[in-house]
Amino acid sequence: MEIWINPACSKCRSAVGLLDAEGAAYTVRRYLEDVPSEDEIREVLDRLGLEPWDITRTQEAAAKELGLREWARDAATRDRWITALAEHPKLIQRPIITADDGTAVVARTEEAVRDVLSR
C-alpha cells in the first residue's frame, strides 16, 4: 500500500497516524517532491474510479490562475486536466491511498482509511 501525502496537511497526518496505529505496512510518497507522472495519475484515477476534476483542489491559487473552474469536464478535456495535475501537483486532492488489491481511495476521513485497511 502507498499513501500520497503532503506532510503539511492535517488530513494526511491523520491518515498516516491511523495507518501506524493499525500497524499497516505502507510506503509514503511525498507527491509534491516526488511528482507523479501523467501516466501515474491516469493509473490512480482508474483505481479510484474517478475523473481528474474529481480529485482537483479547485480552491488552490494555481487552480484559480489556470481558470480550472471554467474548464469543461468531459472526455475531450480529460488529458488537459491530467497535465495540469502533473504540472501543479499541489492541485491533487490528498491523501490518496493505493491499496494492495488494486483499488485506491481519497482518504480524507477515518472511515475511508479503515475501508482500505479492511481490504
N, C-alpha and C. Protein backbone atom coordinates (compact mmCIF):
# COMPACT_ATOMS: atom_id res chain seq x y z
N MET A 1 0.86 -1.17 0.00
CA MET A 1 0.00 0.00 0.00
C MET A 1 0.90 1.23 0.00
N GLU A 2 0.44 2.26 -0.73
CA GLU A 2 1.18 3.51 -0.79
C GLU A 2 0.22 4.64 -0.47
N ILE A 3 0.72 5.66 0.23
CA ILE A 3 -0.09 6.83 0.54
C ILE A 3 0.62 8.07 0.01
N TRP A 4 -0.11 8.83 -0.79
CA TRP A 4 0.41 10.10 -1.30
C TRP A 4 0.04 11.17 -0.30
N ILE A 5 1.06 11.86 0.22
CA ILE A 5 0.79 12.87 1.24
C ILE A 5 1.53 14.17 0.99
N ASN A 6 1.01 15.19 1.63
CA ASN A 6 1.69 16.46 1.84
C ASN A 6 1.83 16.54 3.36
N PRO A 7 3.05 16.50 3.90
CA PRO A 7 3.22 16.48 5.35
C PRO A 7 2.60 17.68 6.07
N ALA A 8 2.37 18.77 5.36
CA ALA A 8 1.77 19.95 5.97
C ALA A 8 0.25 19.82 6.13
N CYS A 9 -0.33 18.78 5.55
CA CYS A 9 -1.78 18.58 5.54
C CYS A 9 -2.23 17.79 6.76
N SER A 10 -3.18 18.32 7.50
CA SER A 10 -3.66 17.64 8.71
C SER A 10 -4.38 16.33 8.37
N LYS A 11 -5.11 16.28 7.26
CA LYS A 11 -5.79 15.03 6.86
C LYS A 11 -4.76 13.94 6.55
N CYS A 12 -3.65 14.34 5.93
CA CYS A 12 -2.57 13.38 5.63
C CYS A 12 -1.95 12.86 6.92
N ARG A 13 -1.67 13.75 7.84
CA ARG A 13 -1.07 13.33 9.11
C ARG A 13 -2.02 12.41 9.87
N SER A 14 -3.31 12.70 9.83
CA SER A 14 -4.29 11.83 10.50
C SER A 14 -4.32 10.45 9.87
N ALA A 15 -4.30 10.40 8.53
CA ALA A 15 -4.33 9.11 7.83
C ALA A 15 -3.10 8.29 8.16
N VAL A 16 -1.92 8.92 8.14
CA VAL A 16 -0.68 8.22 8.48
C VAL A 16 -0.72 7.74 9.93
N GLY A 17 -1.23 8.57 10.82
CA GLY A 17 -1.35 8.19 12.23
C GLY A 17 -2.23 6.96 12.41
N LEU A 18 -3.33 6.91 11.68
CA LEU A 18 -4.23 5.76 11.76
C LEU A 18 -3.57 4.52 11.18
N LEU A 19 -2.89 4.65 10.05
CA LEU A 19 -2.17 3.51 9.48
C LEU A 19 -1.14 2.98 10.47
N ASP A 20 -0.42 3.89 11.12
CA ASP A 20 0.58 3.48 12.12
C ASP A 20 -0.08 2.79 13.31
N ALA A 21 -1.18 3.37 13.78
CA ALA A 21 -1.88 2.79 14.93
C ALA A 21 -2.39 1.38 14.65
N GLU A 22 -2.73 1.14 13.39
CA GLU A 22 -3.24 -0.18 13.00
C GLU A 22 -2.12 -1.13 12.57
N GLY A 23 -0.88 -0.66 12.60
CA GLY A 23 0.26 -1.50 12.24
C GLY A 23 0.31 -1.86 10.76
N ALA A 24 -0.25 -0.99 9.91
CA ALA A 24 -0.29 -1.26 8.47
C ALA A 24 1.09 -1.09 7.84
N ALA A 25 1.35 -1.91 6.85
CA ALA A 25 2.58 -1.78 6.07
C ALA A 25 2.27 -0.87 4.88
N TYR A 26 3.02 0.21 4.76
CA TYR A 26 2.76 1.15 3.67
C TYR A 26 4.03 1.93 3.34
N THR A 27 3.99 2.55 2.18
CA THR A 27 5.07 3.42 1.72
C THR A 27 4.51 4.83 1.60
N VAL A 28 5.28 5.81 2.04
CA VAL A 28 4.87 7.20 1.92
C VAL A 28 5.46 7.80 0.65
N ARG A 29 4.61 8.49 -0.09
CA ARG A 29 5.08 9.25 -1.25
C ARG A 29 4.72 10.70 -1.01
N ARG A 30 5.72 11.53 -0.86
CA ARG A 30 5.51 12.97 -0.73
C ARG A 30 5.36 13.51 -2.15
N TYR A 31 4.13 13.54 -2.60
CA TYR A 31 3.87 13.78 -4.02
C TYR A 31 4.21 15.18 -4.50
N LEU A 32 4.46 16.11 -3.60
CA LEU A 32 4.90 17.44 -4.03
C LEU A 32 6.38 17.42 -4.39
N GLU A 33 7.12 16.48 -3.80
CA GLU A 33 8.56 16.33 -4.09
C GLU A 33 8.79 15.26 -5.15
N ASP A 34 8.07 14.15 -5.02
CA ASP A 34 8.15 13.03 -5.97
C ASP A 34 6.88 13.07 -6.81
N VAL A 35 6.86 14.00 -7.76
CA VAL A 35 5.66 14.33 -8.52
C VAL A 35 5.25 13.17 -9.42
N PRO A 36 3.98 12.76 -9.32
CA PRO A 36 3.51 11.68 -10.20
C PRO A 36 3.46 12.13 -11.66
N SER A 37 3.79 11.20 -12.53
CA SER A 37 3.71 11.47 -13.97
C SER A 37 2.24 11.45 -14.40
N GLU A 38 2.01 11.87 -15.62
CA GLU A 38 0.65 11.82 -16.16
C GLU A 38 0.14 10.38 -16.19
N ASP A 39 1.01 9.44 -16.54
CA ASP A 39 0.60 8.03 -16.55
C ASP A 39 0.26 7.53 -15.15
N GLU A 40 1.03 7.94 -14.16
CA GLU A 40 0.72 7.53 -12.78
C GLU A 40 -0.60 8.13 -12.32
N ILE A 41 -0.87 9.35 -12.71
CA ILE A 41 -2.15 9.98 -12.36
C ILE A 41 -3.29 9.24 -13.04
N ARG A 42 -3.13 8.88 -14.31
CA ARG A 42 -4.16 8.11 -15.00
C ARG A 42 -4.42 6.78 -14.28
N GLU A 43 -3.34 6.10 -13.88
CA GLU A 43 -3.49 4.82 -13.18
C GLU A 43 -4.25 4.99 -11.87
N VAL A 44 -3.89 6.01 -11.10
CA VAL A 44 -4.58 6.26 -9.83
C VAL A 44 -6.05 6.60 -10.08
N LEU A 45 -6.32 7.41 -11.10
CA LEU A 45 -7.71 7.73 -11.42
C LEU A 45 -8.50 6.47 -11.77
N ASP A 46 -7.89 5.58 -12.54
CA ASP A 46 -8.56 4.31 -12.87
C ASP A 46 -8.84 3.52 -11.60
N ARG A 47 -7.87 3.46 -10.71
CA ARG A 47 -8.04 2.71 -9.46
C ARG A 47 -9.09 3.35 -8.56
N LEU A 48 -9.16 4.69 -8.59
CA LEU A 48 -10.17 5.41 -7.80
C LEU A 48 -11.55 5.32 -8.42
N GLY A 49 -11.60 5.12 -9.75
CA GLY A 49 -12.88 5.17 -10.46
C GLY A 49 -13.38 6.60 -10.56
N LEU A 50 -12.44 7.56 -10.64
CA LEU A 50 -12.79 8.98 -10.69
C LEU A 50 -12.18 9.65 -11.91
N GLU A 51 -12.60 10.86 -12.15
CA GLU A 51 -12.05 11.69 -13.22
C GLU A 51 -11.10 12.72 -12.60
N PRO A 52 -10.22 13.31 -13.39
CA PRO A 52 -9.24 14.24 -12.81
C PRO A 52 -9.86 15.42 -12.09
N TRP A 53 -10.97 15.93 -12.59
CA TRP A 53 -11.62 17.06 -11.92
C TRP A 53 -12.19 16.66 -10.57
N ASP A 54 -12.42 15.36 -10.36
CA ASP A 54 -12.93 14.88 -9.07
C ASP A 54 -11.87 14.94 -7.97
N ILE A 55 -10.59 14.94 -8.35
CA ILE A 55 -9.52 14.96 -7.34
C ILE A 55 -8.71 16.26 -7.42
N THR A 56 -9.29 17.29 -8.02
CA THR A 56 -8.60 18.56 -8.17
C THR A 56 -9.04 19.52 -7.07
N ARG A 57 -8.04 20.11 -6.44
CA ARG A 57 -8.29 21.11 -5.40
C ARG A 57 -8.48 22.46 -6.09
N THR A 58 -9.73 22.79 -6.39
CA THR A 58 -10.03 23.97 -7.19
C THR A 58 -9.90 25.29 -6.43
N GLN A 59 -9.70 25.22 -5.13
CA GLN A 59 -9.53 26.45 -4.34
C GLN A 59 -8.07 26.92 -4.29
N GLU A 60 -7.15 26.08 -4.75
CA GLU A 60 -5.73 26.45 -4.73
C GLU A 60 -5.48 27.63 -5.68
N ALA A 61 -4.47 28.42 -5.36
CA ALA A 61 -4.12 29.58 -6.19
C ALA A 61 -3.83 29.16 -7.63
N ALA A 62 -3.11 28.07 -7.81
CA ALA A 62 -2.78 27.61 -9.17
C ALA A 62 -4.04 27.29 -9.96
N ALA A 63 -5.05 26.73 -9.30
CA ALA A 63 -6.31 26.42 -9.98
C ALA A 63 -6.99 27.69 -10.46
N LYS A 64 -6.95 28.70 -9.61
CA LYS A 64 -7.57 29.98 -9.98
C LYS A 64 -6.80 30.63 -11.13
N GLU A 65 -5.45 30.56 -11.06
CA GLU A 65 -4.63 31.13 -12.14
C GLU A 65 -4.90 30.43 -13.47
N LEU A 66 -5.09 29.11 -13.42
CA LEU A 66 -5.36 28.35 -14.64
C LEU A 66 -6.81 28.49 -15.12
N GLY A 67 -7.68 28.98 -14.25
CA GLY A 67 -9.10 29.10 -14.60
C GLY A 67 -9.81 27.76 -14.65
N LEU A 68 -9.39 26.82 -13.78
CA LEU A 68 -9.93 25.46 -13.82
C LEU A 68 -11.44 25.39 -13.67
N ARG A 69 -12.01 26.29 -12.93
CA ARG A 69 -13.46 26.24 -12.72
C ARG A 69 -14.23 26.38 -14.04
N GLU A 70 -13.60 27.02 -15.02
CA GLU A 70 -14.26 27.22 -16.31
C GLU A 70 -13.96 26.11 -17.31
N TRP A 71 -13.02 25.22 -16.99
CA TRP A 71 -12.68 24.15 -17.91
C TRP A 71 -13.83 23.15 -18.03
N ALA A 72 -14.03 22.66 -19.23
CA ALA A 72 -15.04 21.62 -19.44
C ALA A 72 -14.61 20.37 -18.68
N ARG A 73 -15.58 19.60 -18.29
CA ARG A 73 -15.33 18.35 -17.57
C ARG A 73 -15.89 17.21 -18.41
N ASP A 74 -15.11 16.86 -19.43
CA ASP A 74 -15.56 15.83 -20.36
C ASP A 74 -14.36 15.07 -20.92
N ALA A 75 -14.64 14.06 -21.71
CA ALA A 75 -13.58 13.20 -22.26
C ALA A 75 -12.59 14.00 -23.10
N ALA A 76 -13.07 15.02 -23.78
CA ALA A 76 -12.19 15.80 -24.65
C ALA A 76 -11.16 16.61 -23.86
N THR A 77 -11.48 16.97 -22.63
CA THR A 77 -10.55 17.78 -21.83
C THR A 77 -9.85 16.98 -20.72
N ARG A 78 -10.13 15.70 -20.64
CA ARG A 78 -9.55 14.86 -19.58
C ARG A 78 -8.02 14.96 -19.54
N ASP A 79 -7.38 14.84 -20.70
CA ASP A 79 -5.92 14.91 -20.73
C ASP A 79 -5.40 16.28 -20.30
N ARG A 80 -6.12 17.32 -20.62
CA ARG A 80 -5.72 18.67 -20.19
C ARG A 80 -5.72 18.75 -18.66
N TRP A 81 -6.73 18.19 -18.03
CA TRP A 81 -6.80 18.16 -16.57
C TRP A 81 -5.63 17.36 -15.98
N ILE A 82 -5.36 16.21 -16.57
CA ILE A 82 -4.28 15.35 -16.08
C ILE A 82 -2.94 16.07 -16.21
N THR A 83 -2.72 16.75 -17.30
CA THR A 83 -1.49 17.53 -17.48
C THR A 83 -1.37 18.60 -16.41
N ALA A 84 -2.47 19.28 -16.13
CA ALA A 84 -2.46 20.32 -15.08
C ALA A 84 -2.09 19.73 -13.72
N LEU A 85 -2.62 18.55 -13.40
CA LEU A 85 -2.30 17.91 -12.13
C LEU A 85 -0.83 17.52 -12.06
N ALA A 86 -0.28 17.04 -13.17
CA ALA A 86 1.13 16.65 -13.20
C ALA A 86 2.04 17.88 -13.10
N GLU A 87 1.63 18.96 -13.72
CA GLU A 87 2.44 20.18 -13.70
C GLU A 87 2.28 20.98 -12.41
N HIS A 88 1.17 20.79 -11.74
CA HIS A 88 0.87 21.51 -10.49
C HIS A 88 0.36 20.50 -9.45
N PRO A 89 1.25 19.67 -8.91
CA PRO A 89 0.80 18.59 -8.02
C PRO A 89 0.06 19.06 -6.77
N LYS A 90 0.25 20.31 -6.40
CA LYS A 90 -0.48 20.82 -5.23
C LYS A 90 -1.99 20.79 -5.46
N LEU A 91 -2.39 20.67 -6.73
CA LEU A 91 -3.81 20.61 -7.07
C LEU A 91 -4.43 19.25 -6.78
N ILE A 92 -3.60 18.23 -6.55
CA ILE A 92 -4.12 16.87 -6.33
C ILE A 92 -4.66 16.76 -4.91
N GLN A 93 -5.90 16.30 -4.82
CA GLN A 93 -6.53 16.06 -3.52
C GLN A 93 -5.71 15.04 -2.74
N ARG A 94 -5.69 15.17 -1.45
CA ARG A 94 -4.87 14.30 -0.61
C ARG A 94 -5.58 13.98 0.68
N PRO A 95 -5.14 12.93 1.33
CA PRO A 95 -4.21 11.90 0.89
C PRO A 95 -4.90 10.88 -0.02
N ILE A 96 -4.11 10.23 -0.84
CA ILE A 96 -4.61 9.15 -1.68
C ILE A 96 -3.87 7.89 -1.28
N ILE A 97 -4.63 6.84 -0.98
CA ILE A 97 -4.04 5.55 -0.65
C ILE A 97 -4.32 4.58 -1.78
N THR A 98 -3.26 3.96 -2.29
CA THR A 98 -3.42 2.89 -3.28
C THR A 98 -3.28 1.58 -2.52
N ALA A 99 -4.33 0.78 -2.57
CA ALA A 99 -4.39 -0.46 -1.80
C ALA A 99 -3.75 -1.61 -2.58
N ASP A 100 -3.36 -2.62 -1.83
CA ASP A 100 -2.73 -3.80 -2.43
C ASP A 100 -3.66 -4.58 -3.35
N ASP A 101 -4.98 -4.38 -3.19
CA ASP A 101 -5.93 -5.12 -4.02
C ASP A 101 -6.19 -4.45 -5.37
N GLY A 102 -5.44 -3.37 -5.67
CA GLY A 102 -5.59 -2.70 -6.95
C GLY A 102 -6.54 -1.51 -6.93
N THR A 103 -7.17 -1.26 -5.80
CA THR A 103 -8.08 -0.13 -5.69
C THR A 103 -7.33 1.05 -5.07
N ALA A 104 -8.01 2.16 -4.95
CA ALA A 104 -7.45 3.34 -4.31
C ALA A 104 -8.60 4.12 -3.68
N VAL A 105 -8.24 5.02 -2.76
CA VAL A 105 -9.25 5.84 -2.10
C VAL A 105 -8.63 7.19 -1.74
N VAL A 106 -9.46 8.24 -1.85
CA VAL A 106 -9.06 9.54 -1.31
C VAL A 106 -9.40 9.44 0.18
N ALA A 107 -8.36 9.39 1.00
CA ALA A 107 -8.50 9.03 2.41
C ALA A 107 -8.62 10.25 3.32
N ARG A 108 -9.61 11.07 3.08
CA ARG A 108 -9.78 12.29 3.87
C ARG A 108 -10.54 12.06 5.17
N THR A 109 -11.10 10.86 5.32
CA THR A 109 -11.83 10.56 6.56
C THR A 109 -11.27 9.28 7.18
N GLU A 110 -11.50 9.13 8.47
CA GLU A 110 -11.08 7.90 9.15
C GLU A 110 -11.77 6.69 8.54
N GLU A 111 -13.04 6.85 8.15
CA GLU A 111 -13.78 5.75 7.55
C GLU A 111 -13.13 5.28 6.25
N ALA A 112 -12.65 6.22 5.43
CA ALA A 112 -12.01 5.87 4.17
C ALA A 112 -10.71 5.08 4.43
N VAL A 113 -9.94 5.51 5.42
CA VAL A 113 -8.70 4.80 5.76
C VAL A 113 -9.03 3.41 6.26
N ARG A 114 -10.01 3.30 7.13
CA ARG A 114 -10.41 1.99 7.66
C ARG A 114 -10.93 1.07 6.55
N ASP A 115 -11.60 1.65 5.57
CA ASP A 115 -12.07 0.86 4.43
C ASP A 115 -10.89 0.21 3.71
N VAL A 116 -9.84 0.98 3.48
CA VAL A 116 -8.66 0.42 2.82
C VAL A 116 -8.02 -0.66 3.68
N LEU A 117 -7.96 -0.42 4.97
CA LEU A 117 -7.35 -1.39 5.88
C LEU A 117 -8.12 -2.71 5.92
N SER A 118 -9.41 -2.65 5.65
CA SER A 118 -10.23 -3.86 5.72
C SER A 118 -10.14 -4.71 4.45
N ARG A 119 -9.49 -4.21 3.43
CA ARG A 119 -9.42 -4.92 2.14
C ARG A 119 -8.36 -5.99 2.19
